[in-house]
């Protein structure tokens, strides 16, 4: 059985009000998870997760350009 990167590597993690980002440098993966507040308990819970793969982004320059533009615009 293949080793799962999320079980073998400790990510660098950042949590915002609405999202959690986890960067697995060795695996070349960035997980972006939505966060939401449970209406019944008020507890913050994890929603859906999307994974960006470094190899895929590098193979598609238009994806990298879009991410760069987003980051520049977010920075101001």
N, C-alpha and C. Protein backbone atom coordinates (compact mmCIF):
# COMPACT_ATOMS: atom_id res chain seq x y z
N UNK A 1 0.85 -1.19 0.00
CA UNK A 1 0.00 0.00 0.00
C UNK A 1 0.88 1.24 0.00
N UNK A 2 0.53 2.20 -0.83
CA UNK A 2 1.30 3.44 -0.94
C UNK A 2 1.13 4.29 0.32
N UNK A 3 2.19 5.00 0.66
CA UNK A 3 2.14 5.88 1.82
C UNK A 3 1.39 7.15 1.43
N UNK A 4 0.44 7.54 2.24
CA UNK A 4 -0.36 8.73 1.99
C UNK A 4 0.39 9.94 2.55
N UNK A 5 0.53 10.97 1.72
CA UNK A 5 1.33 12.12 2.13
C UNK A 5 0.80 12.79 3.39
N UNK A 6 -0.51 12.82 3.57
CA UNK A 6 -1.08 13.47 4.75
C UNK A 6 -0.87 12.66 6.03
N UNK A 7 -0.47 11.41 5.87
CA UNK A 7 -0.17 10.59 7.04
C UNK A 7 1.33 10.53 7.34
N UNK A 8 2.14 10.87 6.34
CA UNK A 8 3.59 10.75 6.53
C UNK A 8 4.31 12.09 6.65
N UNK A 9 3.63 13.17 6.37
CA UNK A 9 4.26 14.49 6.40
C UNK A 9 3.43 15.46 7.23
N UNK A 10 4.11 16.24 8.02
CA UNK A 10 3.42 17.26 8.81
C UNK A 10 3.40 18.56 8.00
N UNK A 11 2.21 19.09 7.72
CA UNK A 11 2.13 20.27 6.87
C UNK A 11 2.36 21.57 7.63
N UNK A 12 2.64 22.61 6.88
CA UNK A 12 2.58 23.97 7.41
C UNK A 12 1.13 24.38 7.25
N UNK A 13 0.50 24.82 8.34
CA UNK A 13 -0.94 25.11 8.29
C UNK A 13 -1.25 26.55 8.69
N UNK A 14 -2.23 27.10 8.00
CA UNK A 14 -2.75 28.43 8.29
C UNK A 14 -4.27 28.31 8.34
N UNK A 15 -4.87 28.95 9.32
CA UNK A 15 -6.32 28.93 9.43
C UNK A 15 -6.84 30.36 9.41
N UNK A 16 -7.80 30.59 8.53
CA UNK A 16 -8.44 31.90 8.47
C UNK A 16 -9.87 31.73 9.01
N UNK A 17 -10.65 32.76 8.90
CA UNK A 17 -12.03 32.68 9.38
C UNK A 17 -12.86 31.67 8.60
N UNK A 18 -12.56 31.54 7.30
CA UNK A 18 -13.39 30.68 6.44
C UNK A 18 -12.66 29.54 5.77
N UNK A 19 -11.34 29.44 5.98
CA UNK A 19 -10.59 28.41 5.27
C UNK A 19 -9.40 27.94 6.09
N UNK A 20 -8.96 26.75 5.78
CA UNK A 20 -7.74 26.20 6.35
C UNK A 20 -6.87 25.78 5.17
N UNK A 21 -5.60 26.22 5.20
CA UNK A 21 -4.65 25.85 4.16
C UNK A 21 -3.58 24.98 4.80
N UNK A 22 -3.24 23.90 4.13
CA UNK A 22 -2.21 22.99 4.61
C UNK A 22 -1.25 22.72 3.46
N UNK A 23 0.02 23.09 3.66
CA UNK A 23 1.04 22.93 2.61
C UNK A 23 1.94 21.77 2.97
N UNK A 24 1.94 20.76 2.11
CA UNK A 24 2.80 19.58 2.24
C UNK A 24 3.94 19.75 1.25
N UNK A 25 5.03 20.35 1.71
CA UNK A 25 6.14 20.72 0.83
C UNK A 25 6.74 19.52 0.10
N UNK A 26 7.08 18.47 0.82
CA UNK A 26 7.71 17.30 0.19
C UNK A 26 6.80 16.66 -0.86
N UNK A 27 5.51 16.62 -0.58
CA UNK A 27 4.56 16.02 -1.51
C UNK A 27 4.17 16.97 -2.63
N UNK A 28 4.42 18.27 -2.44
CA UNK A 28 4.04 19.25 -3.45
C UNK A 28 2.55 19.45 -3.54
N UNK A 29 1.89 19.44 -2.38
CA UNK A 29 0.42 19.57 -2.35
C UNK A 29 0.01 20.73 -1.45
N UNK A 30 -1.00 21.46 -1.88
CA UNK A 30 -1.62 22.50 -1.07
C UNK A 30 -3.10 22.16 -0.94
N UNK A 31 -3.51 21.87 0.28
CA UNK A 31 -4.92 21.60 0.55
C UNK A 31 -5.61 22.88 0.98
N UNK A 32 -6.77 23.16 0.41
CA UNK A 32 -7.58 24.31 0.80
C UNK A 32 -8.93 23.75 1.24
N UNK A 33 -9.24 23.95 2.52
CA UNK A 33 -10.46 23.39 3.10
C UNK A 33 -11.37 24.52 3.57
N UNK A 34 -12.65 24.43 3.23
CA UNK A 34 -13.59 25.41 3.73
C UNK A 34 -13.91 25.11 5.18
N UNK A 35 -14.16 26.16 5.94
CA UNK A 35 -14.57 26.02 7.33
C UNK A 35 -15.96 26.64 7.48
N UNK A 36 -16.77 26.04 8.32
CA UNK A 36 -18.10 26.59 8.57
C UNK A 36 -18.46 26.35 10.03
N UNK A 37 -19.39 27.16 10.52
CA UNK A 37 -19.85 27.02 11.90
C UNK A 37 -21.12 26.18 11.91
N UNK A 38 -21.10 25.10 12.68
CA UNK A 38 -22.26 24.21 12.82
C UNK A 38 -23.40 25.00 13.46
N UNK A 39 -24.56 24.99 12.84
CA UNK A 39 -25.70 25.78 13.33
C UNK A 39 -26.21 25.30 14.68
N UNK A 40 -26.10 24.03 14.95
CA UNK A 40 -26.61 23.48 16.21
C UNK A 40 -25.63 23.64 17.36
N UNK A 41 -24.36 23.35 17.11
CA UNK A 41 -23.37 23.35 18.20
C UNK A 41 -22.53 24.62 18.25
N UNK A 42 -22.47 25.37 17.13
CA UNK A 42 -21.62 26.54 17.07
C UNK A 42 -20.15 26.20 16.83
N UNK A 43 -19.84 24.91 16.74
CA UNK A 43 -18.47 24.45 16.55
C UNK A 43 -18.03 24.69 15.11
N UNK A 44 -16.77 25.10 14.93
CA UNK A 44 -16.22 25.27 13.59
C UNK A 44 -15.86 23.89 13.06
N UNK A 45 -16.35 23.61 11.84
CA UNK A 45 -16.13 22.30 11.23
C UNK A 45 -15.47 22.46 9.87
N UNK A 46 -14.83 21.38 9.44
CA UNK A 46 -14.21 21.34 8.12
C UNK A 46 -15.24 20.93 7.08
N UNK A 47 -15.22 21.62 5.96
CA UNK A 47 -16.08 21.28 4.84
C UNK A 47 -15.28 20.57 3.76
N UNK A 48 -15.57 20.90 2.53
CA UNK A 48 -14.89 20.26 1.40
C UNK A 48 -13.45 20.73 1.29
N UNK A 49 -12.61 19.85 0.76
CA UNK A 49 -11.20 20.14 0.57
C UNK A 49 -10.85 19.99 -0.90
N UNK A 50 -10.09 20.97 -1.41
CA UNK A 50 -9.53 20.91 -2.75
C UNK A 50 -8.01 20.82 -2.60
N UNK A 51 -7.37 20.10 -3.49
CA UNK A 51 -5.92 19.93 -3.43
C UNK A 51 -5.30 20.44 -4.73
N UNK A 52 -4.34 21.34 -4.58
CA UNK A 52 -3.55 21.80 -5.72
C UNK A 52 -2.25 21.00 -5.71
N UNK A 53 -1.91 20.43 -6.84
CA UNK A 53 -0.71 19.64 -6.98
C UNK A 53 0.34 20.46 -7.73
N UNK A 54 1.52 20.59 -7.15
CA UNK A 54 2.59 21.39 -7.77
C UNK A 54 2.87 20.95 -9.20
N UNK A 55 2.96 19.65 -9.44
CA UNK A 55 3.26 19.14 -10.79
C UNK A 55 2.19 19.56 -11.79
N UNK A 56 0.95 19.53 -11.38
CA UNK A 56 -0.15 19.90 -12.27
C UNK A 56 -0.11 21.39 -12.58
N UNK A 57 0.15 22.21 -11.58
CA UNK A 57 0.21 23.66 -11.79
C UNK A 57 1.38 24.01 -12.70
N UNK A 58 2.53 23.38 -12.48
CA UNK A 58 3.71 23.64 -13.32
C UNK A 58 3.44 23.21 -14.76
N UNK A 59 2.71 22.14 -14.95
CA UNK A 59 2.42 21.62 -16.29
C UNK A 59 1.41 22.49 -17.05
N UNK A 60 0.73 23.36 -16.33
CA UNK A 60 -0.29 24.21 -16.96
C UNK A 60 -0.01 25.67 -16.59
N UNK A 61 0.80 26.34 -17.40
CA UNK A 61 1.20 27.72 -17.09
C UNK A 61 0.04 28.68 -16.89
N UNK A 62 -1.09 28.42 -17.55
CA UNK A 62 -2.25 29.30 -17.38
C UNK A 62 -2.80 29.20 -15.96
N UNK A 63 -2.70 28.03 -15.35
CA UNK A 63 -3.14 27.86 -13.96
C UNK A 63 -2.21 28.62 -13.02
N UNK A 64 -0.93 28.52 -13.27
CA UNK A 64 0.04 29.25 -12.46
C UNK A 64 -0.16 30.76 -12.61
N UNK A 65 -0.41 31.22 -13.82
CA UNK A 65 -0.63 32.65 -14.06
C UNK A 65 -1.87 33.14 -13.32
N UNK A 66 -2.93 32.34 -13.31
CA UNK A 66 -4.15 32.73 -12.61
C UNK A 66 -3.91 32.81 -11.10
N UNK A 67 -3.19 31.83 -10.56
CA UNK A 67 -2.87 31.87 -9.13
C UNK A 67 -2.01 33.07 -8.78
N UNK A 68 -1.02 33.36 -9.62
CA UNK A 68 -0.16 34.52 -9.39
C UNK A 68 -0.98 35.82 -9.42
N UNK A 69 -1.89 35.93 -10.38
CA UNK A 69 -2.73 37.13 -10.48
C UNK A 69 -3.61 37.27 -9.24
N UNK A 70 -4.19 36.17 -8.79
CA UNK A 70 -5.02 36.20 -7.58
C UNK A 70 -4.21 36.70 -6.39
N UNK A 71 -3.01 36.15 -6.20
CA UNK A 71 -2.17 36.53 -5.06
C UNK A 71 -1.75 37.99 -5.14
N UNK A 72 -1.40 38.47 -6.32
CA UNK A 72 -1.04 39.88 -6.48
C UNK A 72 -2.21 40.79 -6.14
N UNK A 73 -3.41 40.45 -6.63
CA UNK A 73 -4.59 41.25 -6.36
C UNK A 73 -4.99 41.19 -4.90
N UNK A 74 -4.79 40.05 -4.28
CA UNK A 74 -5.12 39.92 -2.85
C UNK A 74 -4.16 40.74 -2.00
N UNK A 75 -2.93 40.86 -2.46
CA UNK A 75 -1.90 41.61 -1.71
C UNK A 75 -2.15 43.10 -1.82
N UNK A 76 -2.81 43.52 -2.85
CA UNK A 76 -3.13 44.93 -2.97
C UNK A 76 -2.32 45.60 -3.98
